[in-house]
Amino acid sequence: MKIPRDVHGVDLARALRALGYERVRQEGSHIRLTTQVNGTHHVTVPAHKPLKTGTLVGGVLKPVAAHHKLTVEDLVRQLGL
């Protein structure tokens, strides 16, 4: 599965609501999200458009997928990206 290249940070933050993430705060162009599903987990999403692929995969998708015990491909499918 190919990683999407046109994902905006704000859209990703909205999509993560499906996994129980809620916006806790925003400082500048970075959105901090937290979930209590499967234990507490925090992730910071840059509100850039579009997100660089390395930031998207390494900074957001991999940590979220690991927390929810999913593969990155399954996570992308579940979020509808």
PDB file of N, CA and C in Angstrom:
ATOM      1  N   MET A   1       0.841  -1.179   0.000  1.00  0.00           N
ATOM      2  CA  MET A   1       0.000   0.000   0.000  1.00  0.00           C
ATOM      3  C   MET A   1       0.884   1.240   0.000  1.00  0.00           C
ATOM      4  N   LYS A   2       0.499   2.210  -0.804  1.00  0.00           N
ATOM      5  CA  LYS A   2       1.252   3.454  -0.873  1.00  0.00           C
ATOM      6  C   LYS A   2       0.783   4.410   0.213  1.00  0.00           C
ATOM      7  N   ILE A   3       1.712   5.145   0.757  1.00  0.00           N
ATOM      8  CA  ILE A   3       1.405   6.159   1.754  1.00  0.00           C
ATOM      9  C   ILE A   3       0.895   7.392   1.011  1.00  0.00           C
ATOM     10  N   PRO A   4      -0.227   7.977   1.442  1.00  0.00           N
ATOM     11  CA  PRO A   4      -0.744   9.166   0.766  1.00  0.00           C
ATOM     12  C   PRO A   4       0.231  10.337   0.876  1.00  0.00           C
ATOM     13  N   ARG A   5       0.315  11.128  -0.160  1.00  0.00           N
ATOM     14  CA  ARG A   5       1.283  12.230  -0.211  1.00  0.00           C
ATOM     15  C   ARG A   5       0.639  13.601  -0.021  1.00  0.00           C
ATOM     16  N   ASP A   6      -0.675  13.667   0.052  1.00  0.00           N
ATOM     17  CA  ASP A   6      -1.352  14.960   0.100  1.00  0.00           C
ATOM     18  C   ASP A   6      -2.172  15.149   1.371  1.00  0.00           C
ATOM     19  N   VAL A   7      -1.690  14.600   2.490  1.00  0.00           N
ATOM     20  CA  VAL A   7      -2.425  14.676   3.746  1.00  0.00           C
ATOM     21  C   VAL A   7      -2.069  15.973   4.467  1.00  0.00           C
ATOM     22  N   HIS A   8      -3.087  16.732   4.828  1.00  0.00           N
ATOM     23  CA  HIS A   8      -2.893  17.956   5.590  1.00  0.00           C
ATOM     24  C   HIS A   8      -2.983  17.614   7.065  1.00  0.00           C
ATOM     25  N   GLY A   9      -2.218  18.299   7.891  1.00  0.00           N
ATOM     26  CA  GLY A   9      -2.173  18.020   9.314  1.00  0.00           C
ATOM     27  C   GLY A   9      -3.517  18.141  10.000  1.00  0.00           C
ATOM     28  N   VAL A  10      -4.293  19.163   9.639  1.00  0.00           N
ATOM     29  CA  VAL A  10      -5.605  19.367  10.248  1.00  0.00           C
ATOM     30  C   VAL A  10      -6.539  18.211   9.884  1.00  0.00           C
ATOM     31  N   ASP A  11      -6.466  17.746   8.639  1.00  0.00           N
ATOM     32  CA  ASP A  11      -7.297  16.609   8.210  1.00  0.00           C
ATOM     33  C   ASP A  11      -6.894  15.332   8.944  1.00  0.00           C
ATOM     34  N   LEU A  12      -5.609  15.145   9.170  1.00  0.00           N
ATOM     35  CA  LEU A  12      -5.136  13.973   9.892  1.00  0.00           C
ATOM     36  C   LEU A  12      -5.611  14.013  11.342  1.00  0.00           C
ATOM     37  N   ALA A  13      -5.561  15.189  11.968  1.00  0.00           N
ATOM     38  CA  ALA A  13      -6.036  15.327  13.343  1.00  0.00           C
ATOM     39  C   ALA A  13      -7.518  14.980  13.434  1.00  0.00           C
ATOM     40  N   ARG A  14      -8.298  15.408  12.435  1.00  0.00           N
ATOM     41  CA  ARG A  14      -9.727  15.062  12.405  1.00  0.00           C
ATOM     42  C   ARG A  14      -9.917  13.560  12.230  1.00  0.00           C
ATOM     43  N   ALA A  15      -9.142  12.948  11.356  1.00  0.00           N
ATOM     44  CA  ALA A  15      -9.272  11.514  11.086  1.00  0.00           C
ATOM     45  C   ALA A  15      -8.920  10.689  12.321  1.00  0.00           C
ATOM     46  N   LEU A  16      -7.988  11.168  13.125  1.00  0.00           N
ATOM     47  CA  LEU A  16      -7.580  10.420  14.316  1.00  0.00           C
ATOM     48  C   LEU A  16      -8.658  10.379  15.391  1.00  0.00           C
ATOM     49  N   ARG A  17      -9.705  11.194  15.246  1.00  0.00           N
ATOM     50  CA  ARG A  17     -10.837  11.128  16.172  1.00  0.00           C
ATOM     51  C   ARG A  17     -11.473   9.746  16.158  1.00  0.00           C
ATOM     52  N   ALA A  18     -11.398   9.054  15.025  1.00  0.00           N
ATOM     53  CA  ALA A  18     -11.971   7.703  14.913  1.00  0.00           C
ATOM     54  C   ALA A  18     -11.305   6.729  15.879  1.00  0.00           C
ATOM     55  N   LEU A  19     -10.089   7.033  16.302  1.00  0.00           N
ATOM     56  CA  LEU A  19      -9.378   6.175  17.245  1.00  0.00           C
ATOM     57  C   LEU A  19      -9.421   6.732  18.664  1.00  0.00           C
ATOM     58  N   GLY A  20     -10.267   7.727  18.884  1.00  0.00           N
ATOM     59  CA  GLY A  20     -10.440   8.274  20.219  1.00  0.00           C
ATOM     60  C   GLY A  20      -9.532   9.435  20.562  1.00  0.00           C
ATOM     61  N   TYR A  21      -8.785   9.954  19.611  1.00  0.00           N
ATOM     62  CA  TYR A  21      -7.899  11.085  19.884  1.00  0.00           C
ATOM     63  C   TYR A  21      -8.707  12.372  19.945  1.00  0.00           C
ATOM     64  N   GLU A  22      -8.362  13.213  20.919  1.00  0.00           N
ATOM     65  CA  GLU A  22      -9.002  14.507  21.076  1.00  0.00           C
ATOM     66  C   GLU A  22      -7.926  15.577  21.131  1.00  0.00           C
ATOM     67  N   ARG A  23      -8.260  16.749  20.592  1.00  0.00           N
ATOM     68  CA  ARG A  23      -7.324  17.869  20.616  1.00  0.00           C
ATOM     69  C   ARG A  23      -7.196  18.369  22.052  1.00  0.00           C
ATOM     70  N   VAL A  24      -5.978  18.401  22.556  1.00  0.00           N
ATOM     71  CA  VAL A  24      -5.717  18.871  23.909  1.00  0.00           C
ATOM     72  C   VAL A  24      -5.301  20.337  23.867  1.00  0.00           C
ATOM     73  N   ARG A  25      -4.431  20.669  22.927  1.00  0.00           N
ATOM     74  CA  ARG A  25      -3.975  22.048  22.787  1.00  0.00           C
ATOM     75  C   ARG A  25      -3.343  22.237  21.419  1.00  0.00           C
ATOM     76  N   GLN A  26      -3.128  23.484  21.073  1.00  0.00           N
ATOM     77  CA  GLN A  26      -2.398  23.804  19.852  1.00  0.00           C
ATOM     78  C   GLN A  26      -1.465  24.951  20.160  1.00  0.00           C
ATOM     79  N   GLU A  27      -0.190  24.739  19.866  1.00  0.00           N
ATOM     80  CA  GLU A  27       0.807  25.777  20.036  1.00  0.00           C
ATOM     81  C   GLU A  27       1.406  26.072  18.674  1.00  0.00           C
ATOM     82  N   GLY A  28       1.125  27.238  18.163  1.00  0.00           N
ATOM     83  CA  GLY A  28       1.616  27.587  16.835  1.00  0.00           C
ATOM     84  C   GLY A  28       1.002  26.676  15.802  1.00  0.00           C
ATOM     85  N   SER A  29       1.842  25.994  15.041  1.00  0.00           N
ATOM     86  CA  SER A  29       1.336  25.132  13.983  1.00  0.00           C
ATOM     87  C   SER A  29       1.391  23.657  14.358  1.00  0.00           C
ATOM     88  N   HIS A  30       1.382  23.342  15.646  1.00  0.00           N
ATOM     89  CA  HIS A  30       1.421  21.951  16.090  1.00  0.00           C
ATOM     90  C   HIS A  30       0.225  21.644  16.981  1.00  0.00           C
ATOM     91  N   ILE A  31      -0.491  20.576  16.628  1.00  0.00           N
ATOM     92  CA  ILE A  31      -1.686  20.165  17.347  1.00  0.00           C
ATOM     93  C   ILE A  31      -1.333  18.969  18.217  1.00  0.00           C
ATOM     94  N   ARG A  32      -1.633  19.054  19.503  1.00  0.00           N
ATOM     95  CA  ARG A  32      -1.362  17.955  20.437  1.00  0.00           C
ATOM     96  C   ARG A  32      -2.658  17.184  20.647  1.00  0.00           C
ATOM     97  N   LEU A  33      -2.610  15.867  20.377  1.00  0.00           N
ATOM     98  CA  LEU A  33      -3.772  14.992  20.517  1.00  0.00           C
ATOM     99  C   LEU A  33      -3.493  13.946  21.580  1.00  0.00           C
ATOM    100  N   THR A  34      -4.542  13.555  22.300  1.00  0.00           N
ATOM    101  CA  THR A  34      -4.413  12.543  23.341  1.00  0.00           C
ATOM    102  C   THR A  34      -5.584  11.573  23.243  1.00  0.00           C
ATOM    103  N   THR A  35      -5.314  10.299  23.532  1.00  0.00           N
ATOM    104  CA  THR A  35      -6.366   9.295  23.613  1.00  0.00           C
ATOM    105  C   THR A  35      -6.208   8.508  24.904  1.00  0.00           C
ATOM    106  N   GLN A  36      -7.311   7.999  25.397  1.00  0.00           N
ATOM    107  CA  GLN A  36      -7.308   7.128  26.566  1.00  0.00           C
ATOM    108  C   GLN A  36      -7.580   5.683  26.159  1.00  0.00           C
ATOM    109  N   VAL A  37      -7.810   5.433  24.870  1.00  0.00           N
ATOM    110  CA  VAL A  37      -8.072   4.091  24.355  1.00  0.00           C
ATOM    111  C   VAL A  37      -6.780   3.277  24.437  1.00  0.00           C
ATOM    112  N   ASN A  38      -6.829   2.090  25.005  1.00  0.00           N
ATOM    113  CA  ASN A  38      -5.659   1.220  25.184  1.00  0.00           C
ATOM    114  C   ASN A  38      -4.582   1.883  26.032  1.00  0.00           C
ATOM    115  N   GLY A  39      -4.973   2.741  26.957  1.00  0.00           N
ATOM    116  CA  GLY A  39      -4.008   3.480  27.765  1.00  0.00           C
ATOM    117  C   GLY A  39      -3.781   4.864  27.182  1.00  0.00           C
ATOM    118  N   THR A  40      -3.171   5.716  27.950  1.00  0.00           N
ATOM    119  CA  THR A  40      -2.940   7.098  27.505  1.00  0.00           C
ATOM    120  C   THR A  40      -1.855   7.142  26.432  1.00  0.00           C
ATOM    121  N   HIS A  41      -2.129   7.907  25.365  1.00  0.00           N
ATOM    122  CA  HIS A  41      -1.145   8.096  24.304  1.00  0.00           C
ATOM    123  C   HIS A  41      -1.279   9.519  23.778  1.00  0.00           C
ATOM    124  N   HIS A  42      -0.137  10.180  23.612  1.00  0.00           N
ATOM    125  CA  HIS A  42      -0.090  11.544  23.088  1.00  0.00           C
ATOM    126  C   HIS A  42       0.632  11.526  21.750  1.00  0.00           C
ATOM    127  N   VAL A  43       0.181  12.357  20.833  1.00  0.00           N
ATOM    128  CA  VAL A  43       0.867  12.510  19.553  1.00  0.00           C
ATOM    129  C   VAL A  43       0.722  13.970  19.125  1.00  0.00           C
ATOM    130  N   THR A  44       1.770  14.500  18.520  1.00  0.00           N
ATOM    131  CA  THR A  44       1.756  15.869  18.021  1.00  0.00           C
ATOM    132  C   THR A  44       1.705  15.839  16.500  1.00  0.00           C
ATOM    133  N   VAL A  45       0.729  16.538  15.937  1.00  0.00           N
ATOM    134  CA  VAL A  45       0.547  16.583  14.493  1.00  0.00           C
ATOM    135  C   VAL A  45       0.833  18.001  14.014  1.00  0.00           C
ATOM    136  N   PRO A  46       1.802  18.180  13.121  1.00  0.00           N
ATOM    137  CA  PRO A  46       2.032  19.508  12.564  1.00  0.00           C
ATOM    138  C   PRO A  46       0.841  19.912  11.691  1.00  0.00           C
ATOM    139  N   ALA A  47       0.375  21.137  11.825  1.00  0.00           N
ATOM    140  CA  ALA A  47      -0.756  21.614  11.028  1.00  0.00           C
ATOM    141  C   ALA A  47      -0.256  22.180   9.707  1.00  0.00           C
ATOM    142  N   HIS A  48       0.581  21.428   9.030  1.00  0.00           N
ATOM    143  CA  HIS A  48       1.147  21.850   7.749  1.00  0.00           C
ATOM    144  C   HIS A  48       0.331  21.244   6.612  1.00  0.00           C
ATOM    145  N   LYS A  49       0.419  21.845   5.447  1.00  0.00           N
ATOM    146  CA  LYS A  49      -0.275  21.280   4.302  1.00  0.00           C
ATOM    147  C   LYS A  49       0.628  21.275   3.091  1.00  0.00           C
ATOM    148  N   PRO A  50       0.891  20.172   2.523  1.00  0.00           N
ATOM    149  CA  PRO A  50       0.700  18.825   3.066  1.00  0.00           C
ATOM    150  C   PRO A  50       1.851  18.461   3.998  1.00  0.00           C
ATOM    151  N   LEU A  51       1.662  17.398   4.764  1.00  0.00           N
ATOM    152  CA  LEU A  51       2.729  16.902   5.644  1.00  0.00           C
ATOM    153  C   LEU A  51       3.794  16.209   4.809  1.00  0.00           C
ATOM    154  N   LYS A  52       5.042  16.362   5.194  1.00  0.00           N
ATOM    155  CA  LYS A  52       6.109  15.629   4.519  1.00  0.00           C
ATOM    156  C   LYS A  52       5.939  14.152   4.847  1.00  0.00           C
ATOM    157  N   THR A  53       6.289  13.294   3.923  1.00  0.00           N
ATOM    158  CA  THR A  53       6.078  11.860   4.079  1.00  0.00           C
ATOM    159  C   THR A  53       6.793  11.314   5.312  1.00  0.00           C
ATOM    160  N   GLY A  54       8.020  11.743   5.565  1.00  0.00           N
ATOM    161  CA  GLY A  54       8.759  11.266   6.730  1.00  0.00           C
ATOM    162  C   GLY A  54       8.099  11.659   8.034  1.00  0.00           C
ATOM    163  N   THR A  55       7.572  12.876   8.092  1.00  0.00           N
ATOM    164  CA  THR A  55       6.868  13.343   9.284  1.00  0.00           C
ATOM    165  C   THR A  55       5.575  12.566   9.462  1.00  0.00           C
ATOM    166  N   LEU A  56       4.854  12.365   8.374  1.00  0.00           N
ATOM    167  CA  LEU A  56       3.587  11.641   8.423  1.00  0.00           C
ATOM    168  C   LEU A  56       3.788  10.220   8.927  1.00  0.00           C
ATOM    169  N   VAL A  57       4.728   9.509   8.334  1.00  0.00           N
ATOM    170  CA  VAL A  57       4.934   8.103   8.682  1.00  0.00           C
ATOM    171  C   VAL A  57       5.675   7.962  10.012  1.00  0.00           C
ATOM    172  N   GLY A  58       6.851   8.541  10.116  1.00  0.00           N
ATOM    173  CA  GLY A  58       7.679   8.344  11.299  1.00  0.00           C
ATOM    174  C   GLY A  58       7.212   9.082  12.534  1.00  0.00           C
ATOM    175  N   GLY A  59       6.628  10.248  12.347  1.00  0.00           N
ATOM    176  CA  GLY A  59       6.237  11.065  13.488  1.00  0.00           C
ATOM    177  C   GLY A  59       4.828  10.860  13.973  1.00  0.00           C
ATOM    178  N   VAL A  60       3.941  10.366  13.102  1.00  0.00           N
ATOM    179  CA  VAL A  60       2.539  10.242  13.494  1.00  0.00           C
ATOM    180  C   VAL A  60       2.020   8.819  13.301  1.00  0.00           C
ATOM    181  N   LEU A  61       2.067   8.309  12.081  1.00  0.00           N
ATOM    182  CA  LEU A  61       1.422   7.025  11.798  1.00  0.00           C
ATOM    183  C   LEU A  61       2.056   5.842  12.530  1.00  0.00           C
ATOM    184  N   LYS A  62       3.385   5.750  12.542  1.00  0.00           N
ATOM    185  CA  LYS A  62       4.032   4.616  13.216  1.00  0.00           C
ATOM    186  C   LYS A  62       3.747   4.594  14.714  1.00  0.00           C
ATOM    187  N   PRO A  63       3.900   5.725  15.431  1.00  0.00           N
ATOM    188  CA  PRO A  63       3.586   5.689  16.865  1.00  0.00           C
ATOM    189  C   PRO A  63       2.115   5.371  17.156  1.00  0.00           C
ATOM    190  N   VAL A  64       1.204   5.920  16.354  1.00  0.00           N
ATOM    191  CA  VAL A  64      -0.223   5.655  16.563  1.00  0.00           C
ATOM    192  C   VAL A  64      -0.524   4.191  16.265  1.00  0.00           C
ATOM    193  N   ALA A  65       0.022   3.673  15.168  1.00  0.00           N
ATOM    194  CA  ALA A  65      -0.199   2.267  14.811  1.00  0.00           C
ATOM    195  C   ALA A  65       0.347   1.348  15.902  1.00  0.00           C
ATOM    196  N   ALA A  66       1.523   1.653  16.430  1.00  0.00           N
ATOM    197  CA  ALA A  66       2.118   0.820  17.473  1.00  0.00           C
ATOM    198  C   ALA A  66       1.265   0.843  18.739  1.00  0.00           C
ATOM    199  N   HIS A  67       0.748   1.996  19.095  1.00  0.00           N
ATOM    200  CA  HIS A  67      -0.080   2.104  20.299  1.00  0.00           C
ATOM    201  C   HIS A  67      -1.357   1.273  20.172  1.00  0.00           C
ATOM    202  N   HIS A  68      -1.940   1.272  18.987  1.00  0.00           N
ATOM    203  CA  HIS A  68      -3.201   0.547  18.762  1.00  0.00           C
ATOM    204  C   HIS A  68      -2.982  -0.864  18.225  1.00  0.00           C
ATOM    205  N   LYS A  69      -1.709  -1.281  18.183  1.00  0.00           N
ATOM    206  CA  LYS A  69      -1.339  -2.628  17.721  1.00  0.00           C
ATOM    207  C   LYS A  69      -1.861  -2.913  16.312  1.00  0.00           C
ATOM    208  N   LEU A  70      -1.628  -1.961  15.416  1.00  0.00           N
ATOM    209  CA  LEU A  70      -2.000  -2.077  14.008  1.00  0.00           C
ATOM    210  C   LEU A  70      -0.748  -1.918  13.156  1.00  0.00           C
ATOM    211  N   THR A  71      -0.842  -2.348  11.903  1.00  0.00           N
ATOM    212  CA  THR A  71       0.219  -2.013  10.953  1.00  0.00           C
ATOM    213  C   THR A  71      -0.083  -0.623  10.409  1.00  0.00           C
ATOM    214  N   VAL A  72       0.908   0.026   9.844  1.00  0.00           N
ATOM    215  CA  VAL A  72       0.704   1.350   9.258  1.00  0.00           C
ATOM    216  C   VAL A  72      -0.326   1.263   8.133  1.00  0.00           C
ATOM    217  N   GLU A  73      -0.270   0.192   7.347  1.00  0.00           N
ATOM    218  CA  GLU A  73      -1.218   0.024   6.242  1.00  0.00           C
ATOM    219  C   GLU A  73      -2.652  -0.097   6.758  1.00  0.00           C
ATOM    220  N   ASP A  74      -2.842  -0.878   7.832  1.00  0.00           N
ATOM    221  CA  ASP A  74      -4.176  -1.021   8.417  1.00  0.00           C
ATOM    222  C   ASP A  74      -4.665   0.311   8.986  1.00  0.00           C
ATOM    223  N   LEU A  75      -3.766   1.052   9.598  1.00  0.00           N
ATOM    224  CA  LEU A  75      -4.126   2.353  10.155  1.00  0.00           C
ATOM    225  C   LEU A  75      -4.563   3.313   9.049  1.00  0.00           C
ATOM    226  N   VAL A  76      -3.812   3.367   7.961  1.00  0.00           N
ATOM    227  CA  VAL A  76      -4.158   4.240   6.833  1.00  0.00           C
ATOM    228  C   VAL A  76      -5.531   3.875   6.291  1.00  0.00           C
ATOM    229  N   ARG A  77      -5.783   2.574   6.153  1.00  0.00           N
ATOM    230  CA  ARG A  77      -7.089   2.123   5.680  1.00  0.00           C
ATOM    231  C   ARG A  77      -8.206   2.509   6.650  1.00  0.00           C
ATOM    232  N   GLN A  78      -7.962   2.314   7.935  1.00  0.00           N
ATOM    233  CA  GLN A  78      -8.967   2.598   8.939  1.00  0.00           C
ATOM    234  C   GLN A  78      -9.284   4.093   9.012  1.00  0.00           C
ATOM    235  N   LEU A  79      -8.279   4.926   8.809  1.00  0.00           N
ATOM    236  CA  LEU A  79      -8.489   6.382   8.846  1.00  0.00           C
ATOM    237  C   LEU A  79      -9.046   6.919   7.542  1.00  0.00           C
ATOM    238  N   GLY A  80      -9.016   6.127   6.485  1.00  0.00           N
ATOM    239  CA  GLY A  80      -9.537   6.552   5.191  1.00  0.00           C
ATOM    240  C   GLY A  80      -8.664   7.583   4.507  1.00  0.00           C
ATOM    241  N   LEU A  81      -7.357   7.477   4.678  1.00  0.00           N
ATOM    242  CA  LEU A  81      -6.428   8.440   4.062  1.00  0.00           C
ATOM    243  C   LEU A  81      -6.079   8.050   2.650  1.00  0.00           C
TER     244      LEU A  81
END
